[in-house]
């Protein structure tokens, strides 16, 4: 019985771990300090509204990965104020 249960437990654990999807964090959201997943900062051109939103494309391509992406684009940015 134990020989059957142990492999099943490992399979279940691997499925639950791999089931977590990418998390995209934008400012001013809090940082996930205790989350141990790989964290990637999407630094590069943003030029709010003028540059291509390549960060969204990266997030889409990595949507099945168990990582955290830090996107510098802000949803609350108003270009007329800056």
PDB file of N, CA and C in Angstrom:
ATOM      1  N   UNK A   1       0.825  -1.202   0.000  1.00  0.00           N
ATOM      2  CA  UNK A   1       0.000   0.000   0.000  1.00  0.00           C
ATOM      3  C   UNK A   1       0.863   1.257   0.000  1.00  0.00           C
ATOM      4  N   UNK A   2       1.900   1.252   0.835  1.00  0.00           N
ATOM      5  CA  UNK A   2       2.777   2.420   0.926  1.00  0.00           C
ATOM      6  C   UNK A   2       3.482   2.671  -0.407  1.00  0.00           C
ATOM      7  N   UNK A   3       3.803   1.587  -1.135  1.00  0.00           N
ATOM      8  CA  UNK A   3       4.471   1.714  -2.428  1.00  0.00           C
ATOM      9  C   UNK A   3       3.583   2.405  -3.459  1.00  0.00           C
ATOM     10  N   UNK A   4       2.307   2.329  -3.280  1.00  0.00           N
ATOM     11  CA  UNK A   4       1.373   2.996  -4.190  1.00  0.00           C
ATOM     12  C   UNK A   4       1.112   4.425  -3.742  1.00  0.00           C
ATOM     13  N   UNK A   5       0.947   4.640  -2.459  1.00  0.00           N
ATOM     14  CA  UNK A   5       0.611   5.966  -1.951  1.00  0.00           C
ATOM     15  C   UNK A   5       1.725   6.985  -2.130  1.00  0.00           C
ATOM     16  N   UNK A   6       2.953   6.603  -1.902  1.00  0.00           N
ATOM     17  CA  UNK A   6       4.060   7.548  -1.988  1.00  0.00           C
ATOM     18  C   UNK A   6       4.184   8.168  -3.382  1.00  0.00           C
ATOM     19  N   UNK A   7       4.179   7.388  -4.455  1.00  0.00           N
ATOM     20  CA  UNK A   7       4.225   8.015  -5.788  1.00  0.00           C
ATOM     21  C   UNK A   7       3.016   8.908  -6.065  1.00  0.00           C
ATOM     22  N   UNK A   8       1.845   8.510  -5.577  1.00  0.00           N
ATOM     23  CA  UNK A   8       0.655   9.337  -5.769  1.00  0.00           C
ATOM     24  C   UNK A   8       0.778  10.674  -5.051  1.00  0.00           C
ATOM     25  N   UNK A   9       1.355  10.671  -3.869  1.00  0.00           N
ATOM     26  CA  UNK A   9       1.571  11.916  -3.128  1.00  0.00           C
ATOM     27  C   UNK A   9       2.509  12.826  -3.908  1.00  0.00           C
ATOM     28  N   UNK A  10       3.591  12.286  -4.444  1.00  0.00           N
ATOM     29  CA  UNK A  10       4.536  13.093  -5.224  1.00  0.00           C
ATOM     30  C   UNK A  10       3.885  13.658  -6.482  1.00  0.00           C
ATOM     31  N   UNK A  11       3.071  12.862  -7.139  1.00  0.00           N
ATOM     32  CA  UNK A  11       2.368  13.350  -8.333  1.00  0.00           C
ATOM     33  C   UNK A  11       1.422  14.481  -7.958  1.00  0.00           C
ATOM     34  N   UNK A  12       0.661  14.313  -6.897  1.00  0.00           N
ATOM     35  CA  UNK A  12      -0.262  15.349  -6.452  1.00  0.00           C
ATOM     36  C   UNK A  12       0.475  16.633  -6.104  1.00  0.00           C
ATOM     37  N   UNK A  13       1.578  16.521  -5.380  1.00  0.00           N
ATOM     38  CA  UNK A  13       2.348  17.709  -5.004  1.00  0.00           C
ATOM     39  C   UNK A  13       2.915  18.412  -6.227  1.00  0.00           C
ATOM     40  N   UNK A  14       3.411  17.683  -7.186  1.00  0.00           N
ATOM     41  CA  UNK A  14       3.970  18.316  -8.382  1.00  0.00           C
ATOM     42  C   UNK A  14       2.887  19.006  -9.193  1.00  0.00           C
ATOM     43  N   UNK A  15       1.691  18.439  -9.241  1.00  0.00           N
ATOM     44  CA  UNK A  15       0.587  19.086  -9.948  1.00  0.00           C
ATOM     45  C   UNK A  15       0.161  20.361  -9.253  1.00  0.00           C
ATOM     46  N   UNK A  16       0.083  20.354  -7.945  1.00  0.00           N
ATOM     47  CA  UNK A  16      -0.350  21.550  -7.227  1.00  0.00           C
ATOM     48  C   UNK A  16       0.696  22.647  -7.302  1.00  0.00           C
ATOM     49  N   UNK A  17       1.963  22.283  -7.329  1.00  0.00           N
ATOM     50  CA  UNK A  17       3.016  23.290  -7.433  1.00  0.00           C
ATOM     51  C   UNK A  17       3.036  23.893  -8.828  1.00  0.00           C
ATOM     52  N   UNK A  18       2.912  23.089  -9.854  1.00  0.00           N
ATOM     53  CA  UNK A  18       2.983  23.602 -11.219  1.00  0.00           C
ATOM     54  C   UNK A  18       1.699  24.303 -11.646  1.00  0.00           C
ATOM     55  N   UNK A  19       0.631  24.163 -10.891  1.00  0.00           N
ATOM     56  CA  UNK A  19      -0.633  24.776 -11.256  1.00  0.00           C
ATOM     57  C   UNK A  19      -0.637  26.286 -11.048  1.00  0.00           C
ATOM     58  N   UNK A  20       0.270  26.806 -10.245  1.00  0.00           N
ATOM     59  CA  UNK A  20       0.303  28.235  -9.996  1.00  0.00           C
ATOM     60  C   UNK A  20       0.787  28.958 -11.243  1.00  0.00           C
ATOM     61  N   UNK A  21       0.137  30.038 -11.603  1.00  0.00           N
ATOM     62  CA  UNK A  21       0.447  30.779 -12.819  1.00  0.00           C
ATOM     63  C   UNK A  21       1.259  32.020 -12.483  1.00  0.00           C
ATOM     64  N   UNK A  22       1.650  32.714 -13.558  1.00  0.00           N
ATOM     65  CA  UNK A  22       2.415  33.947 -13.405  1.00  0.00           C
ATOM     66  C   UNK A  22       1.599  34.974 -12.606  1.00  0.00           C
ATOM     67  N   UNK A  23       2.286  35.746 -11.799  1.00  0.00           N
ATOM     68  CA  UNK A  23       1.685  36.862 -11.077  1.00  0.00           C
ATOM     69  C   UNK A  23       2.348  38.134 -11.574  1.00  0.00           C
ATOM     70  N   UNK A  24       1.545  39.108 -12.010  1.00  0.00           N
ATOM     71  CA  UNK A  24       2.080  40.385 -12.474  1.00  0.00           C
ATOM     72  C   UNK A  24       1.751  41.441 -11.430  1.00  0.00           C
ATOM     73  N   UNK A  25       2.780  42.140 -10.977  1.00  0.00           N
ATOM     74  CA  UNK A  25       2.605  43.161  -9.949  1.00  0.00           C
ATOM     75  C   UNK A  25       2.980  44.519 -10.525  1.00  0.00           C
ATOM     76  N   UNK A  26       2.057  45.479 -10.376  1.00  0.00           N
ATOM     77  CA  UNK A  26       2.303  46.857 -10.800  1.00  0.00           C
ATOM     78  C   UNK A  26       2.287  47.746  -9.568  1.00  0.00           C
ATOM     79  N   UNK A  27       3.016  48.842  -9.651  1.00  0.00           N
ATOM     80  CA  UNK A  27       3.010  49.823  -8.573  1.00  0.00           C
ATOM     81  C   UNK A  27       1.623  50.445  -8.509  1.00  0.00           C
ATOM     82  N   UNK A  28       1.104  50.759  -7.392  1.00  0.00           N
ATOM     83  CA  UNK A  28       1.661  50.779  -6.038  1.00  0.00           C
ATOM     84  C   UNK A  28       1.332  49.540  -5.214  1.00  0.00           C
ATOM     85  N   UNK A  29       1.123  48.402  -5.851  1.00  0.00           N
ATOM     86  CA  UNK A  29       0.805  47.168  -5.117  1.00  0.00           C
ATOM     87  C   UNK A  29       1.964  46.755  -4.213  1.00  0.00           C
ATOM     88  N   UNK A  30       1.658  46.125  -3.087  1.00  0.00           N
ATOM     89  CA  UNK A  30       2.731  45.681  -2.176  1.00  0.00           C
ATOM     90  C   UNK A  30       3.562  44.552  -2.793  1.00  0.00           C
ATOM     91  N   UNK A  31       4.806  44.482  -2.383  1.00  0.00           N
ATOM     92  CA  UNK A  31       5.713  43.441  -2.868  1.00  0.00           C
ATOM     93  C   UNK A  31       5.496  42.143  -2.096  1.00  0.00           C
ATOM     94  N   UNK A  32       5.546  41.004  -2.768  1.00  0.00           N
ATOM     95  CA  UNK A  32       5.375  39.701  -2.115  1.00  0.00           C
ATOM     96  C   UNK A  32       6.681  39.252  -1.458  1.00  0.00           C
ATOM     97  N   UNK A  33       6.944  39.738  -0.292  1.00  0.00           N
ATOM     98  CA  UNK A  33       8.230  39.517   0.375  1.00  0.00           C
ATOM     99  C   UNK A  33       8.486  38.043   0.665  1.00  0.00           C
ATOM    100  N   UNK A  34       7.482  37.314   1.094  1.00  0.00           N
ATOM    101  CA  UNK A  34       7.690  35.924   1.518  1.00  0.00           C
ATOM    102  C   UNK A  34       7.512  34.913   0.394  1.00  0.00           C
ATOM    103  N   UNK A  35       7.109  35.361  -0.771  1.00  0.00           N
ATOM    104  CA  UNK A  35       6.924  34.457  -1.908  1.00  0.00           C
ATOM    105  C   UNK A  35       8.293  34.056  -2.448  1.00  0.00           C
ATOM    106  N   UNK A  36       8.541  32.764  -2.559  1.00  0.00           N
ATOM    107  CA  UNK A  36       9.858  32.247  -2.953  1.00  0.00           C
ATOM    108  C   UNK A  36      10.000  32.028  -4.462  1.00  0.00           C
ATOM    109  N   UNK A  37       8.953  32.357  -5.230  1.00  0.00           N
ATOM    110  CA  UNK A  37       9.058  32.162  -6.678  1.00  0.00           C
ATOM    111  C   UNK A  37      10.091  33.108  -7.295  1.00  0.00           C
ATOM    112  N   UNK A  38      10.578  32.756  -8.468  1.00  0.00           N
ATOM    113  CA  UNK A  38      11.485  33.605  -9.219  1.00  0.00           C
ATOM    114  C   UNK A  38      10.795  34.930  -9.503  1.00  0.00           C
ATOM    115  N   UNK A  39      11.522  36.037  -9.309  1.00  0.00           N
ATOM    116  CA  UNK A  39      10.970  37.371  -9.541  1.00  0.00           C
ATOM    117  C   UNK A  39      11.761  38.048 -10.653  1.00  0.00           C
ATOM    118  N   UNK A  40      11.026  38.649 -11.620  1.00  0.00           N
ATOM    119  CA  UNK A  40      11.654  39.298 -12.763  1.00  0.00           C
ATOM    120  C   UNK A  40      11.099  40.708 -12.888  1.00  0.00           C
ATOM    121  N   UNK A  41      11.997  41.710 -12.910  1.00  0.00           N
ATOM    122  CA  UNK A  41      11.593  43.100 -13.126  1.00  0.00           C
ATOM    123  C   UNK A  41      11.625  43.380 -14.623  1.00  0.00           C
ATOM    124  N   UNK A  42      10.513  43.865 -15.158  1.00  0.00           N
ATOM    125  CA  UNK A  42      10.410  44.125 -16.590  1.00  0.00           C
ATOM    126  C   UNK A  42      10.859  45.552 -16.901  1.00  0.00           C
ATOM    127  N   UNK A  43      12.134  45.821 -16.688  1.00  0.00           N
ATOM    128  CA  UNK A  43      12.685  47.151 -16.942  1.00  0.00           C
ATOM    129  C   UNK A  43      12.912  47.381 -18.419  1.00  0.00           C
ATOM    130  N   UNK A  44      12.650  48.581 -18.869  1.00  0.00           N
ATOM    131  CA  UNK A  44      12.837  48.944 -20.272  1.00  0.00           C
ATOM    132  C   UNK A  44      11.940  50.111 -20.606  1.00  0.00           C
ATOM    133  N   UNK A  45      11.818  50.419 -21.884  1.00  0.00           N
ATOM    134  CA  UNK A  45      11.035  51.571 -22.324  1.00  0.00           C
ATOM    135  C   UNK A  45       9.560  51.390 -21.978  1.00  0.00           C
ATOM    136  N   UNK A  46       8.987  52.421 -21.356  1.00  0.00           N
ATOM    137  CA  UNK A  46       7.542  52.422 -21.129  1.00  0.00           C
ATOM    138  C   UNK A  46       6.908  53.661 -21.748  1.00  0.00           C
ATOM    139  N   UNK A  47       7.485  54.824 -21.582  1.00  0.00           N
ATOM    140  CA  UNK A  47       7.014  56.080 -22.178  1.00  0.00           C
ATOM    141  C   UNK A  47       5.489  56.113 -22.250  1.00  0.00           C
ATOM    142  N   UNK A  48       4.875  55.927 -21.134  1.00  0.00           N
ATOM    143  CA  UNK A  48       3.434  55.768 -20.941  1.00  0.00           C
ATOM    144  C   UNK A  48       2.567  56.265 -22.106  1.00  0.00           C
ATOM    145  N   UNK A  49       2.080  55.322 -22.891  1.00  0.00           N
ATOM    146  CA  UNK A  49       1.173  55.625 -23.980  1.00  0.00           C
ATOM    147  C   UNK A  49       1.840  55.754 -25.337  1.00  0.00           C
ATOM    148  N   UNK A  50       3.146  55.916 -25.381  1.00  0.00           N
ATOM    149  CA  UNK A  50       3.838  56.084 -26.661  1.00  0.00           C
ATOM    150  C   UNK A  50       4.604  54.828 -27.068  1.00  0.00           C
ATOM    151  N   UNK A  51       5.196  54.143 -26.127  1.00  0.00           N
ATOM    152  CA  UNK A  51       5.951  52.920 -26.424  1.00  0.00           C
ATOM    153  C   UNK A  51       5.004  51.717 -26.425  1.00  0.00           C
ATOM    154  N   UNK A  52       5.360  50.718 -27.204  1.00  0.00           N
ATOM    155  CA  UNK A  52       4.590  49.470 -27.233  1.00  0.00           C
ATOM    156  C   UNK A  52       4.523  48.880 -25.822  1.00  0.00           C
ATOM    157  N   UNK A  53       3.375  48.316 -25.465  1.00  0.00           N
ATOM    158  CA  UNK A  53       3.222  47.670 -24.147  1.00  0.00           C
ATOM    159  C   UNK A  53       3.811  46.260 -24.229  1.00  0.00           C
ATOM    160  N   UNK A  54       5.128  46.191 -24.350  1.00  0.00           N
ATOM    161  CA  UNK A  54       5.813  44.910 -24.485  1.00  0.00           C
ATOM    162  C   UNK A  54       5.740  44.097 -23.198  1.00  0.00           C
ATOM    163  N   UNK A  55       5.547  44.787 -22.057  1.00  0.00           N
ATOM    164  CA  UNK A  55       5.449  44.064 -20.788  1.00  0.00           C
ATOM    165  C   UNK A  55       4.226  43.145 -20.780  1.00  0.00           C
ATOM    166  N   UNK A  56       3.118  43.610 -21.358  1.00  0.00           N
ATOM    167  CA  UNK A  56       1.913  42.772 -21.435  1.00  0.00           C
ATOM    168  C   UNK A  56       2.166  41.554 -22.316  1.00  0.00           C
ATOM    169  N   UNK A  57       2.924  41.747 -23.393  1.00  0.00           N
ATOM    170  CA  UNK A  57       3.244  40.625 -24.276  1.00  0.00           C
ATOM    171  C   UNK A  57       4.113  39.591 -23.565  1.00  0.00           C
ATOM    172  N   UNK A  58       5.098  40.070 -22.785  1.00  0.00           N
ATOM    173  CA  UNK A  58       5.952  39.157 -22.013  1.00  0.00           C
ATOM    174  C   UNK A  58       5.107  38.385 -21.002  1.00  0.00           C
ATOM    175  N   UNK A  59       4.216  39.095 -20.296  1.00  0.00           N
ATOM    176  CA  UNK A  59       3.353  38.435 -19.309  1.00  0.00           C
ATOM    177  C   UNK A  59       2.481  37.370 -19.973  1.00  0.00           C
ATOM    178  N   UNK A  60       1.982  37.667 -21.165  1.00  0.00           N
ATOM    179  CA  UNK A  60       1.164  36.695 -21.890  1.00  0.00           C
ATOM    180  C   UNK A  60       1.980  35.462 -22.280  1.00  0.00           C
ATOM    181  N   UNK A  61       3.189  35.680 -22.761  1.00  0.00           N
ATOM    182  CA  UNK A  61       4.053  34.563 -23.168  1.00  0.00           C
ATOM    183  C   UNK A  61       4.460  33.688 -21.980  1.00  0.00           C
ATOM    184  N   UNK A  62       4.568  34.298 -20.804  1.00  0.00           N
ATOM    185  CA  UNK A  62       4.994  33.563 -19.610  1.00  0.00           C
ATOM    186  C   UNK A  62       3.821  33.183 -18.703  1.00  0.00           C
ATOM    187  N   UNK A  63       2.601  33.263 -19.226  1.00  0.00           N
ATOM    188  CA  UNK A  63       1.405  33.082 -18.400  1.00  0.00           C
ATOM    189  C   UNK A  63       1.326  31.731 -17.698  1.00  0.00           C
ATOM    190  N   UNK A  64       1.956  30.717 -18.236  1.00  0.00           N
ATOM    191  CA  UNK A  64       1.909  29.385 -17.629  1.00  0.00           C
ATOM    192  C   UNK A  64       3.064  29.125 -16.669  1.00  0.00           C
ATOM    193  N   UNK A  65       3.957  30.077 -16.522  1.00  0.00           N
ATOM    194  CA  UNK A  65       5.135  29.893 -15.667  1.00  0.00           C
ATOM    195  C   UNK A  65       4.822  30.288 -14.228  1.00  0.00           C
ATOM    196  N   UNK A  66       5.481  29.659 -13.320  1.00  0.00           N
ATOM    197  CA  UNK A  66       5.294  29.893 -11.889  1.00  0.00           C
ATOM    198  C   UNK A  66       6.301  30.951 -11.420  1.00  0.00           C
ATOM    199  N   UNK A  67       6.100  32.200 -11.871  1.00  0.00           N
ATOM    200  CA  UNK A  67       7.018  33.295 -11.553  1.00  0.00           C
ATOM    201  C   UNK A  67       6.237  34.549 -11.188  1.00  0.00           C
ATOM    202  N   UNK A  68       6.958  35.550 -10.703  1.00  0.00           N
ATOM    203  CA  UNK A  68       6.378  36.860 -10.418  1.00  0.00           C
ATOM    204  C   UNK A  68       7.047  37.870 -11.338  1.00  0.00           C
ATOM    205  N   UNK A  69       6.235  38.682 -12.029  1.00  0.00           N
ATOM    206  CA  UNK A  69       6.754  39.737 -12.884  1.00  0.00           C
ATOM    207  C   UNK A  69       6.437  41.086 -12.253  1.00  0.00           C
ATOM    208  N   UNK A  70       7.443  41.947 -12.174  1.00  0.00           N
ATOM    209  CA  UNK A  70       7.240  43.316 -11.709  1.00  0.00           C
ATOM    210  C   UNK A  70       7.168  44.213 -12.940  1.00  0.00           C
ATOM    211  N   UNK A  71       5.987  44.761 -13.197  1.00  0.00           N
ATOM    212  CA  UNK A  71       5.757  45.611 -14.358  1.00  0.00           C
ATOM    213  C   UNK A  71       5.787  47.072 -13.913  1.00  0.00           C
ATOM    214  N   UNK A  72       6.698  47.905 -14.463  1.00  0.00           N
ATOM    215  CA  UNK A  72       6.787  49.296 -14.030  1.00  0.00           C
ATOM    216  C   UNK A  72       5.646  50.178 -14.532  1.00  0.00           C
ATOM    217  N   UNK A  73       4.836  49.697 -15.457  1.00  0.00           N
ATOM    218  CA  UNK A  73       3.701  50.507 -15.924  1.00  0.00           C
ATOM    219  C   UNK A  73       2.683  50.646 -14.798  1.00  0.00           C
ATOM    220  N   UNK A  74       2.125  51.839 -14.705  1.00  0.00           N
ATOM    221  CA  UNK A  74       1.120  52.108 -13.668  1.00  0.00           C
ATOM    222  C   UNK A  74      -0.237  52.298 -14.314  1.00  0.00           C
ATOM    223  N   UNK A  75      -1.241  51.616 -13.786  1.00  0.00           N
ATOM    224  CA  UNK A  75      -2.601  51.782 -14.299  1.00  0.00           C
ATOM    225  C   UNK A  75      -3.164  53.154 -13.943  1.00  0.00           C
ATOM    226  N   UNK A  76      -2.659  53.761 -12.871  1.00  0.00           N
ATOM    227  CA  UNK A  76      -3.193  55.043 -12.408  1.00  0.00           C
ATOM    228  C   UNK A  76      -2.389  56.246 -12.923  1.00  0.00           C
ATOM    229  N   UNK A  77      -1.510  56.051 -13.894  1.00  0.00           N
ATOM    230  CA  UNK A  77      -0.682  57.130 -14.430  1.00  0.00           C
ATOM    231  C   UNK A  77      -1.517  58.023 -15.349  1.00  0.00           C
ATOM    232  N   UNK A  78      -1.447  59.334 -15.121  1.00  0.00           N
ATOM    233  CA  UNK A  78      -2.139  60.300 -15.969  1.00  0.00           C
ATOM    234  C   UNK A  78      -1.091  61.199 -16.596  1.00  0.00           C
ATOM    235  N   UNK A  79      -0.933  61.109 -17.913  1.00  0.00           N
ATOM    236  CA  UNK A  79       0.135  61.839 -18.598  1.00  0.00           C
ATOM    237  C   UNK A  79      -0.037  63.349 -18.512  1.00  0.00           C
ATOM    238  N   UNK A  80      -1.242  63.839 -18.393  1.00  0.00           N
ATOM    239  CA  UNK A  80      -1.449  65.289 -18.335  1.00  0.00           C
ATOM    240  C   UNK A  80      -0.924  65.883 -17.026  1.00  0.00           C
ATOM    241  N   UNK A  81      -0.769  65.097 -15.997  1.00  0.00           N
ATOM    242  CA  UNK A  81      -0.273  65.601 -14.717  1.00  0.00           C
ATOM    243  C   UNK A  81       1.241  65.565 -14.632  1.00  0.00           C
ATOM    244  N   UNK A  82       1.898  64.859 -15.523  1.00  0.00           N
ATOM    245  CA  UNK A  82       3.338  64.659 -15.393  1.00  0.00           C
ATOM    246  C   UNK A  82       4.012  65.281 -16.539  1.00  0.00           C
TER     247      UNK A  82
END
